[in-house]
Amino acid sequence: MAQARARQKPLREAAKNWIFGLAADTVFHLSELYRFLIRSFRDLCEARGHATHEPQYRNDARWAVQDLEQEREIAPTGRRGEYRRTRPLGRQL
């Protein structure tokens, strides 16, 4: 269980850093975030394994999005899986 948590954190932090790198008012889709994670961190994504219906790294990405949404760094656009970067300079992790 502790190993699963240790593997989850880097993917979540990487997802947040990718979003922080976006300019203000940039619209992004979750699929772009998934693509970034799998291309940049293939070994970590594969090590996370699969849940019942999808790979676990996607869950990590959505948790990162939820964290940033609560911090008002991003906002949903109203379209499924689409978000807008709201602040010009987010805090760096």
PDB file of N, CA and C in Angstrom:
ATOM      1  N   MET A   1       0.823  -1.198   0.000  1.00  0.00           N
ATOM      2  CA  MET A   1       0.000   0.000   0.000  1.00  0.00           C
ATOM      3  C   MET A   1       0.862   1.255   0.000  1.00  0.00           C
ATOM      4  N   ALA A   2       1.909   1.261   0.819  1.00  0.00           N
ATOM      5  CA  ALA A   2       2.784   2.437   0.893  1.00  0.00           C
ATOM      6  C   ALA A   2       3.522   2.638  -0.423  1.00  0.00           C
ATOM      7  N   GLN A   3       3.862   1.550  -1.116  1.00  0.00           N
ATOM      8  CA  GLN A   3       4.536   1.678  -2.408  1.00  0.00           C
ATOM      9  C   GLN A   3       3.615   2.310  -3.436  1.00  0.00           C
ATOM     10  N   ALA A   4       2.344   1.986  -3.398  1.00  0.00           N
ATOM     11  CA  ALA A   4       1.389   2.577  -4.336  1.00  0.00           C
ATOM     12  C   ALA A   4       1.302   4.082  -4.125  1.00  0.00           C
ATOM     13  N   ARG A   5       1.303   4.525  -2.871  1.00  0.00           N
ATOM     14  CA  ARG A   5       1.249   5.961  -2.580  1.00  0.00           C
ATOM     15  C   ARG A   5       2.517   6.660  -3.037  1.00  0.00           C
ATOM     16  N   ALA A   6       3.652   6.001  -2.877  1.00  0.00           N
ATOM     17  CA  ALA A   6       4.931   6.598  -3.284  1.00  0.00           C
ATOM     18  C   ALA A   6       4.987   6.769  -4.794  1.00  0.00           C
ATOM     19  N   ARG A   7       4.398   5.851  -5.549  1.00  0.00           N
ATOM     20  CA  ARG A   7       4.396   5.971  -7.016  1.00  0.00           C
ATOM     21  C   ARG A   7       3.371   6.994  -7.488  1.00  0.00           C
ATOM     22  N   GLN A   8       2.314   7.200  -6.725  1.00  0.00           N
ATOM     23  CA  GLN A   8       1.242   8.103  -7.131  1.00  0.00           C
ATOM     24  C   GLN A   8       1.687   9.558  -7.079  1.00  0.00           C
ATOM     25  N   LYS A   9       2.406   9.939  -6.062  1.00  0.00           N
ATOM     26  CA  LYS A   9       2.750  11.328  -5.841  1.00  0.00           C
ATOM     27  C   LYS A   9       3.536  11.954  -7.000  1.00  0.00           C
ATOM     28  N   PRO A  10       4.569  11.304  -7.545  1.00  0.00           N
ATOM     29  CA  PRO A  10       5.308  11.940  -8.640  1.00  0.00           C
ATOM     30  C   PRO A  10       4.431  12.231  -9.866  1.00  0.00           C
ATOM     31  N   LEU A  11       3.507  11.339 -10.173  1.00  0.00           N
ATOM     32  CA  LEU A  11       2.635  11.574 -11.327  1.00  0.00           C
ATOM     33  C   LEU A  11       1.684  12.740 -11.068  1.00  0.00           C
ATOM     34  N   ARG A  12       1.190  12.825  -9.875  1.00  0.00           N
ATOM     35  CA  ARG A  12       0.281  13.929  -9.511  1.00  0.00           C
ATOM     36  C   ARG A  12       1.023  15.262  -9.555  1.00  0.00           C
ATOM     37  N   GLU A  13       2.240  15.283  -9.029  1.00  0.00           N
ATOM     38  CA  GLU A  13       3.046  16.511  -9.039  1.00  0.00           C
ATOM     39  C   GLU A  13       3.448  16.887 -10.465  1.00  0.00           C
ATOM     40  N   ALA A  14       3.771  15.897 -11.287  1.00  0.00           N
ATOM     41  CA  ALA A  14       4.130  16.169 -12.680  1.00  0.00           C
ATOM     42  C   ALA A  14       2.941  16.759 -13.434  1.00  0.00           C
ATOM     43  N   ALA A  15       1.751  16.253 -13.167  1.00  0.00           N
ATOM     44  CA  ALA A  15       0.549  16.783 -13.807  1.00  0.00           C
ATOM     45  C   ALA A  15       0.319  18.245 -13.399  1.00  0.00           C
ATOM     46  N   LYS A  16       0.517  18.538 -12.113  1.00  0.00           N
ATOM     47  CA  LYS A  16       0.355  19.914 -11.640  1.00  0.00           C
ATOM     48  C   LYS A  16       1.377  20.838 -12.287  1.00  0.00           C
ATOM     49  N   ASN A  17       2.613  20.390 -12.370  1.00  0.00           N
ATOM     50  CA  ASN A  17       3.652  21.220 -12.982  1.00  0.00           C
ATOM     51  C   ASN A  17       3.377  21.476 -14.455  1.00  0.00           C
ATOM     52  N   TRP A  18       2.832  20.482 -15.159  1.00  0.00           N
ATOM     53  CA  TRP A  18       2.483  20.673 -16.575  1.00  0.00           C
ATOM     54  C   TRP A  18       1.417  21.758 -16.702  1.00  0.00           C
ATOM     55  N   ILE A  19       0.433  21.727 -15.835  1.00  0.00           N
ATOM     56  CA  ILE A  19      -0.639  22.725 -15.865  1.00  0.00           C
ATOM     57  C   ILE A  19      -0.093  24.102 -15.503  1.00  0.00           C
ATOM     58  N   PHE A  20       0.799  24.160 -14.502  1.00  0.00           N
ATOM     59  CA  PHE A  20       1.393  25.443 -14.126  1.00  0.00           C
ATOM     60  C   PHE A  20       2.196  26.053 -15.273  1.00  0.00           C
ATOM     61  N   GLY A  21       2.697  25.228 -16.163  1.00  0.00           N
ATOM     62  CA  GLY A  21       3.468  25.709 -17.302  1.00  0.00           C
ATOM     63  C   GLY A  21       2.630  26.332 -18.396  1.00  0.00           C
ATOM     64  N   LEU A  22       1.329  26.199 -18.316  1.00  0.00           N
ATOM     65  CA  LEU A  22       0.445  26.766 -19.329  1.00  0.00           C
ATOM     66  C   LEU A  22       0.249  28.256 -19.097  1.00  0.00           C
ATOM     67  N   ALA A  23       0.090  28.994 -20.176  1.00  0.00           N
ATOM     68  CA  ALA A  23      -0.183  30.428 -20.071  1.00  0.00           C
ATOM     69  C   ALA A  23      -1.616  30.643 -19.577  1.00  0.00           C
ATOM     70  N   ALA A  24      -1.869  31.820 -19.039  1.00  0.00           N
ATOM     71  CA  ALA A  24      -3.221  32.163 -18.577  1.00  0.00           C
ATOM     72  C   ALA A  24      -4.199  32.082 -19.744  1.00  0.00           C
ATOM     73  N   ASP A  25      -5.396  31.661 -19.460  1.00  0.00           N
ATOM     74  CA  ASP A  25      -6.490  31.517 -20.426  1.00  0.00           C
ATOM     75  C   ASP A  25      -6.260  30.421 -21.463  1.00  0.00           C
ATOM     76  N   THR A  26      -5.283  29.569 -21.240  1.00  0.00           N
ATOM     77  CA  THR A  26      -5.077  28.423 -22.124  1.00  0.00           C
ATOM     78  C   THR A  26      -6.097  27.356 -21.777  1.00  0.00           C
ATOM     79  N   VAL A  27      -6.754  26.838 -22.786  1.00  0.00           N
ATOM     80  CA  VAL A  27      -7.722  25.763 -22.595  1.00  0.00           C
ATOM     81  C   VAL A  27      -7.009  24.444 -22.885  1.00  0.00           C
ATOM     82  N   PHE A  28      -7.179  23.474 -21.987  1.00  0.00           N
ATOM     83  CA  PHE A  28      -6.584  22.158 -22.203  1.00  0.00           C
ATOM     84  C   PHE A  28      -7.615  21.088 -21.901  1.00  0.00           C
ATOM     85  N   HIS A  29      -7.388  19.945 -22.461  1.00  0.00           N
ATOM     86  CA  HIS A  29      -8.277  18.802 -22.282  1.00  0.00           C
ATOM     87  C   HIS A  29      -7.536  17.738 -21.484  1.00  0.00           C
ATOM     88  N   LEU A  30      -8.264  16.967 -20.720  1.00  0.00           N
ATOM     89  CA  LEU A  30      -7.643  15.908 -19.917  1.00  0.00           C
ATOM     90  C   LEU A  30      -6.829  14.947 -20.776  1.00  0.00           C
ATOM     91  N   SER A  31      -7.256  14.713 -21.998  1.00  0.00           N
ATOM     92  CA  SER A  31      -6.514  13.789 -22.864  1.00  0.00           C
ATOM     93  C   SER A  31      -5.098  14.300 -23.140  1.00  0.00           C
ATOM     94  N   GLU A  32      -4.913  15.616 -23.199  1.00  0.00           N
ATOM     95  CA  GLU A  32      -3.570  16.181 -23.383  1.00  0.00           C
ATOM     96  C   GLU A  32      -2.707  15.911 -22.157  1.00  0.00           C
ATOM     97  N   LEU A  33      -3.303  16.012 -20.990  1.00  0.00           N
ATOM     98  CA  LEU A  33      -2.587  15.733 -19.748  1.00  0.00           C
ATOM     99  C   LEU A  33      -2.221  14.254 -19.662  1.00  0.00           C
ATOM    100  N   TYR A  34      -3.152  13.375 -20.021  1.00  0.00           N
ATOM    101  CA  TYR A  34      -2.869  11.939 -20.040  1.00  0.00           C
ATOM    102  C   TYR A  34      -1.711  11.640 -20.995  1.00  0.00           C
ATOM    103  N   ARG A  35      -1.752  12.247 -22.171  1.00  0.00           N
ATOM    104  CA  ARG A  35      -0.721  12.028 -23.186  1.00  0.00           C
ATOM    105  C   ARG A  35       0.651  12.460 -22.658  1.00  0.00           C
ATOM    106  N   PHE A  36       0.704  13.614 -21.982  1.00  0.00           N
ATOM    107  CA  PHE A  36       1.961  14.086 -21.413  1.00  0.00           C
ATOM    108  C   PHE A  36       2.506  13.079 -20.402  1.00  0.00           C
ATOM    109  N   LEU A  37       1.657  12.597 -19.516  1.00  0.00           N
ATOM    110  CA  LEU A  37       2.110  11.663 -18.482  1.00  0.00           C
ATOM    111  C   LEU A  37       2.630  10.368 -19.072  1.00  0.00           C
ATOM    112  N   ILE A  38       1.919   9.810 -20.026  1.00  0.00           N
ATOM    113  CA  ILE A  38       2.328   8.517 -20.577  1.00  0.00           C
ATOM    114  C   ILE A  38       3.596   8.659 -21.410  1.00  0.00           C
ATOM    115  N   ARG A  39       3.773   9.778 -22.091  1.00  0.00           N
ATOM    116  CA  ARG A  39       4.987   9.971 -22.892  1.00  0.00           C
ATOM    117  C   ARG A  39       6.198  10.302 -22.033  1.00  0.00           C
ATOM    118  N   SER A  40       6.005  11.041 -20.967  1.00  0.00           N
ATOM    119  CA  SER A  40       7.122  11.480 -20.136  1.00  0.00           C
ATOM    120  C   SER A  40       7.458  10.508 -19.012  1.00  0.00           C
ATOM    121  N   PHE A  41       6.479   9.767 -18.537  1.00  0.00           N
ATOM    122  CA  PHE A  41       6.665   8.902 -17.367  1.00  0.00           C
ATOM    123  C   PHE A  41       6.088   7.513 -17.612  1.00  0.00           C
ATOM    124  N   ARG A  42       6.422   6.925 -18.746  1.00  0.00           N
ATOM    125  CA  ARG A  42       5.849   5.631 -19.125  1.00  0.00           C
ATOM    126  C   ARG A  42       6.074   4.568 -18.032  1.00  0.00           C
ATOM    127  N   ASP A  43       7.285   4.492 -17.489  1.00  0.00           N
ATOM    128  CA  ASP A  43       7.573   3.463 -16.482  1.00  0.00           C
ATOM    129  C   ASP A  43       6.727   3.639 -15.227  1.00  0.00           C
ATOM    130  N   LEU A  44       6.596   4.879 -14.766  1.00  0.00           N
ATOM    131  CA  LEU A  44       5.770   5.128 -13.579  1.00  0.00           C
ATOM    132  C   LEU A  44       4.305   4.831 -13.859  1.00  0.00           C
ATOM    133  N   CYS A  45       3.849   5.202 -15.039  1.00  0.00           N
ATOM    134  CA  CYS A  45       2.443   4.949 -15.394  1.00  0.00           C
ATOM    135  C   CYS A  45       2.157   3.449 -15.439  1.00  0.00           C
ATOM    136  N   GLU A  46       3.074   2.698 -16.032  1.00  0.00           N
ATOM    137  CA  GLU A  46       2.875   1.253 -16.103  1.00  0.00           C
ATOM    138  C   GLU A  46       2.978   0.612 -14.722  1.00  0.00           C
ATOM    139  N   ALA A  47       3.855   1.152 -13.866  1.00  0.00           N
ATOM    140  CA  ALA A  47       4.007   0.607 -12.511  1.00  0.00           C
ATOM    141  C   ALA A  47       2.753   0.842 -11.669  1.00  0.00           C
ATOM    142  N   ARG A  48       2.003   1.901 -11.972  1.00  0.00           N
ATOM    143  CA  ARG A  48       0.770   2.194 -11.224  1.00  0.00           C
ATOM    144  C   ARG A  48      -0.295   1.140 -11.473  1.00  0.00           C
ATOM    145  N   GLY A  49      -0.246   0.458 -12.610  1.00  0.00           N
ATOM    146  CA  GLY A  49      -1.193  -0.609 -12.886  1.00  0.00           C
ATOM    147  C   GLY A  49      -2.542  -0.098 -13.371  1.00  0.00           C
ATOM    148  N   HIS A  50      -3.527  -0.984 -13.304  1.00  0.00           N
ATOM    149  CA  HIS A  50      -4.866  -0.680 -13.789  1.00  0.00           C
ATOM    150  C   HIS A  50      -5.888  -0.838 -12.678  1.00  0.00           C
ATOM    151  N   ALA A  51      -6.884   0.003 -12.743  1.00  0.00           N
ATOM    152  CA  ALA A  51      -8.055  -0.159 -11.883  1.00  0.00           C
ATOM    153  C   ALA A  51      -9.023  -1.062 -12.646  1.00  0.00           C
ATOM    154  N   THR A  52     -10.244  -1.092 -12.237  1.00  0.00           N
ATOM    155  CA  THR A  52     -11.228  -1.943 -12.893  1.00  0.00           C
ATOM    156  C   THR A  52     -11.455  -1.532 -14.344  1.00  0.00           C
ATOM    157  N   HIS A  53     -11.525  -0.229 -14.614  1.00  0.00           N
ATOM    158  CA  HIS A  53     -11.916   0.223 -15.948  1.00  0.00           C
ATOM    159  C   HIS A  53     -10.866   1.030 -16.684  1.00  0.00           C
ATOM    160  N   GLU A  54      -9.807   1.452 -16.009  1.00  0.00           N
ATOM    161  CA  GLU A  54      -8.832   2.329 -16.666  1.00  0.00           C
ATOM    162  C   GLU A  54      -7.493   2.293 -15.951  1.00  0.00           C
ATOM    163  N   PRO A  55      -6.440   2.800 -16.602  1.00  0.00           N
ATOM    164  CA  PRO A  55      -5.132   2.874 -15.940  1.00  0.00           C
ATOM    165  C   PRO A  55      -5.167   3.834 -14.750  1.00  0.00           C
ATOM    166  N   GLN A  56      -4.406   3.522 -13.713  1.00  0.00           N
ATOM    167  CA  GLN A  56      -4.395   4.328 -12.496  1.00  0.00           C
ATOM    168  C   GLN A  56      -3.790   5.719 -12.707  1.00  0.00           C
ATOM    169  N   TYR A  57      -2.865   5.878 -13.666  1.00  0.00           N
ATOM    170  CA  TYR A  57      -2.248   7.189 -13.853  1.00  0.00           C
ATOM    171  C   TYR A  57      -3.292   8.231 -14.250  1.00  0.00           C
ATOM    172  N   ARG A  58      -4.343   7.814 -14.903  1.00  0.00           N
ATOM    173  CA  ARG A  58      -5.417   8.757 -15.253  1.00  0.00           C
ATOM    174  C   ARG A  58      -6.118   9.263 -13.996  1.00  0.00           C
ATOM    175  N   ASN A  59      -6.268   8.402 -13.028  1.00  0.00           N
ATOM    176  CA  ASN A  59      -6.854   8.793 -11.754  1.00  0.00           C
ATOM    177  C   ASN A  59      -5.957   9.826 -11.074  1.00  0.00           C
ATOM    178  N   ASP A  60      -4.638   9.612 -11.120  1.00  0.00           N
ATOM    179  CA  ASP A  60      -3.694  10.572 -10.538  1.00  0.00           C
ATOM    180  C   ASP A  60      -3.823  11.930 -11.212  1.00  0.00           C
ATOM    181  N   ALA A  61      -3.974  11.933 -12.531  1.00  0.00           N
ATOM    182  CA  ALA A  61      -4.112  13.187 -13.275  1.00  0.00           C
ATOM    183  C   ALA A  61      -5.390  13.918 -12.876  1.00  0.00           C
ATOM    184  N   ARG A  62      -6.479  13.190 -12.737  1.00  0.00           N
ATOM    185  CA  ARG A  62      -7.738  13.827 -12.350  1.00  0.00           C
ATOM    186  C   ARG A  62      -7.677  14.384 -10.935  1.00  0.00           C
ATOM    187  N   TRP A  63      -6.966  13.702 -10.030  1.00  0.00           N
ATOM    188  CA  TRP A  63      -6.806  14.235  -8.683  1.00  0.00           C
ATOM    189  C   TRP A  63      -6.002  15.526  -8.709  1.00  0.00           C
ATOM    190  N   ALA A  64      -4.986  15.597  -9.562  1.00  0.00           N
ATOM    191  CA  ALA A  64      -4.205  16.834  -9.696  1.00  0.00           C
ATOM    192  C   ALA A  64      -5.094  17.964 -10.202  1.00  0.00           C
ATOM    193  N   VAL A  65      -5.941  17.666 -11.170  1.00  0.00           N
ATOM    194  CA  VAL A  65      -6.869  18.663 -11.706  1.00  0.00           C
ATOM    195  C   VAL A  65      -7.833  19.114 -10.616  1.00  0.00           C
ATOM    196  N   GLN A  66      -8.339  18.177  -9.842  1.00  0.00           N
ATOM    197  CA  GLN A  66      -9.257  18.533  -8.761  1.00  0.00           C
ATOM    198  C   GLN A  66      -8.562  19.416  -7.723  1.00  0.00           C
ATOM    199  N   ASP A  67      -7.319  19.094  -7.384  1.00  0.00           N
ATOM    200  CA  ASP A  67      -6.568  19.923  -6.432  1.00  0.00           C
ATOM    201  C   ASP A  67      -6.438  21.355  -6.948  1.00  0.00           C
ATOM    202  N   LEU A  68      -6.072  21.504  -8.211  1.00  0.00           N
ATOM    203  CA  LEU A  68      -5.861  22.840  -8.776  1.00  0.00           C
ATOM    204  C   LEU A  68      -7.179  23.580  -8.974  1.00  0.00           C
ATOM    205  N   GLU A  69      -8.234  22.853  -9.202  1.00  0.00           N
ATOM    206  CA  GLU A  69      -9.551  23.487  -9.320  1.00  0.00           C
ATOM    207  C   GLU A  69      -9.970  24.070  -7.971  1.00  0.00           C
ATOM    208  N   GLN A  70      -9.686  23.360  -6.899  1.00  0.00           N
ATOM    209  CA  GLN A  70     -10.008  23.863  -5.564  1.00  0.00           C
ATOM    210  C   GLN A  70      -9.154  25.065  -5.198  1.00  0.00           C
ATOM    211  N   GLU A  71      -7.928  25.121  -5.726  1.00  0.00           N
ATOM    212  CA  GLU A  71      -7.036  26.256  -5.482  1.00  0.00           C
ATOM    213  C   GLU A  71      -7.304  27.410  -6.455  1.00  0.00           C
ATOM    214  N   ARG A  72      -8.275  27.229  -7.336  1.00  0.00           N
ATOM    215  CA  ARG A  72      -8.674  28.222  -8.334  1.00  0.00           C
ATOM    216  C   ARG A  72      -7.568  28.565  -9.327  1.00  0.00           C
ATOM    217  N   GLU A  73      -6.710  27.592  -9.593  1.00  0.00           N
ATOM    218  CA  GLU A  73      -5.673  27.747 -10.614  1.00  0.00           C
ATOM    219  C   GLU A  73      -6.244  27.431 -11.992  1.00  0.00           C
ATOM    220  N   ILE A  74      -7.266  26.589 -12.020  1.00  0.00           N
ATOM    221  CA  ILE A  74      -7.938  26.233 -13.267  1.00  0.00           C
ATOM    222  C   ILE A  74      -9.447  26.253 -13.022  1.00  0.00           C
ATOM    223  N   ALA A  75     -10.193  26.315 -14.118  1.00  0.00           N
ATOM    224  CA  ALA A  75     -11.656  26.312 -14.021  1.00  0.00           C
ATOM    225  C   ALA A  75     -12.223  25.487 -15.169  1.00  0.00           C
ATOM    226  N   PRO A  76     -13.291  24.753 -14.935  1.00  0.00           N
ATOM    227  CA  PRO A  76     -13.913  24.002 -16.022  1.00  0.00           C
ATOM    228  C   PRO A  76     -14.542  24.951 -17.036  1.00  0.00           C
ATOM    229  N   THR A  77     -14.528  24.553 -18.299  1.00  0.00           N
ATOM    230  CA  THR A  77     -15.097  25.395 -19.349  1.00  0.00           C
ATOM    231  C   THR A  77     -16.572  25.098 -19.577  1.00  0.00           C
ATOM    232  N   GLY A  78     -17.054  24.005 -19.024  1.00  0.00           N
ATOM    233  CA  GLY A  78     -18.436  23.607 -19.263  1.00  0.00           C
ATOM    234  C   GLY A  78     -18.518  22.437 -20.229  1.00  0.00           C
ATOM    235  N   ARG A  79     -17.412  22.138 -20.896  1.00  0.00           N
ATOM    236  CA  ARG A  79     -17.355  20.967 -21.775  1.00  0.00           C
ATOM    237  C   ARG A  79     -16.638  19.851 -21.028  1.00  0.00           C
ATOM    238  N   ARG A  80     -17.097  18.649 -21.225  1.00  0.00           N
ATOM    239  CA  ARG A  80     -16.565  17.507 -20.480  1.00  0.00           C
ATOM    240  C   ARG A  80     -15.049  17.355 -20.691  1.00  0.00           C
ATOM    241  N   GLY A  81     -14.310  17.326 -19.573  1.00  0.00           N
ATOM    242  CA  GLY A  81     -12.875  17.094 -19.613  1.00  0.00           C
ATOM    243  C   GLY A  81     -12.041  18.278 -20.067  1.00  0.00           C
ATOM    244  N   GLU A  82     -12.644  19.451 -20.158  1.00  0.00           N
ATOM    245  CA  GLU A  82     -11.940  20.634 -20.652  1.00  0.00           C
ATOM    246  C   GLU A  82     -11.834  21.677 -19.541  1.00  0.00           C
ATOM    247  N   TYR A  83     -10.644  22.254 -19.408  1.00  0.00           N
ATOM    248  CA  TYR A  83     -10.375  23.227 -18.348  1.00  0.00           C
ATOM    249  C   TYR A  83      -9.615  24.416 -18.913  1.00  0.00           C
ATOM    250  N   ARG A  84      -9.719  25.542 -18.208  1.00  0.00           N
ATOM    251  CA  ARG A  84      -9.013  26.767 -18.587  1.00  0.00           C
ATOM    252  C   ARG A  84      -8.073  27.155 -17.459  1.00  0.00           C
ATOM    253  N   ARG A  85      -6.841  27.488 -17.839  1.00  0.00           N
ATOM    254  CA  ARG A  85      -5.853  27.978 -16.865  1.00  0.00           C
ATOM    255  C   ARG A  85      -6.252  29.394 -16.505  1.00  0.00           C
ATOM    256  N   THR A  86      -6.499  29.670 -15.224  1.00  0.00           N
ATOM    257  CA  THR A  86      -7.082  30.961 -14.845  1.00  0.00           C
ATOM    258  C   THR A  86      -6.069  31.995 -14.387  1.00  0.00           C
ATOM    259  N   ARG A  87      -4.991  31.559 -13.754  1.00  0.00           N
ATOM    260  CA  ARG A  87      -4.022  32.525 -13.231  1.00  0.00           C
ATOM    261  C   ARG A  87      -2.789  32.584 -14.125  1.00  0.00           C
ATOM    262  N   PRO A  88      -2.243  33.774 -14.339  1.00  0.00           N
ATOM    263  CA  PRO A  88      -1.083  33.880 -15.225  1.00  0.00           C
ATOM    264  C   PRO A  88       0.166  33.217 -14.678  1.00  0.00           C
ATOM    265  N   LEU A  89       0.401  33.303 -13.386  1.00  0.00           N
ATOM    266  CA  LEU A  89       1.589  32.689 -12.788  1.00  0.00           C
ATOM    267  C   LEU A  89       1.177  31.902 -11.566  1.00  0.00           C
ATOM    268  N   GLY A  90       1.194  30.596 -11.677  1.00  0.00           N
ATOM    269  CA  GLY A  90       0.862  29.762 -10.536  1.00  0.00           C
ATOM    270  C   GLY A  90       2.110  29.519  -9.702  1.00  0.00           C
ATOM    271  N   ARG A  91       1.898  29.030  -8.515  1.00  0.00           N
ATOM    272  CA  ARG A  91       3.046  28.722  -7.670  1.00  0.00           C
ATOM    273  C   ARG A  91       3.772  27.513  -8.266  1.00  0.00           C
ATOM    274  N   GLN A  92       5.052  27.498  -8.154  1.00  0.00           N
ATOM    275  CA  GLN A  92       5.844  26.406  -8.675  1.00  0.00           C
ATOM    276  C   GLN A  92       6.059  25.364  -7.588  1.00  0.00           C
ATOM    277  N   LEU A  93       5.922  24.106  -7.963  1.00  0.00           N
ATOM    278  CA  LEU A  93       6.093  23.023  -6.995  1.00  0.00           C
ATOM    279  C   LEU A  93       7.523  22.566  -6.967  1.00  0.00           C
TER     280      LEU A  93
END
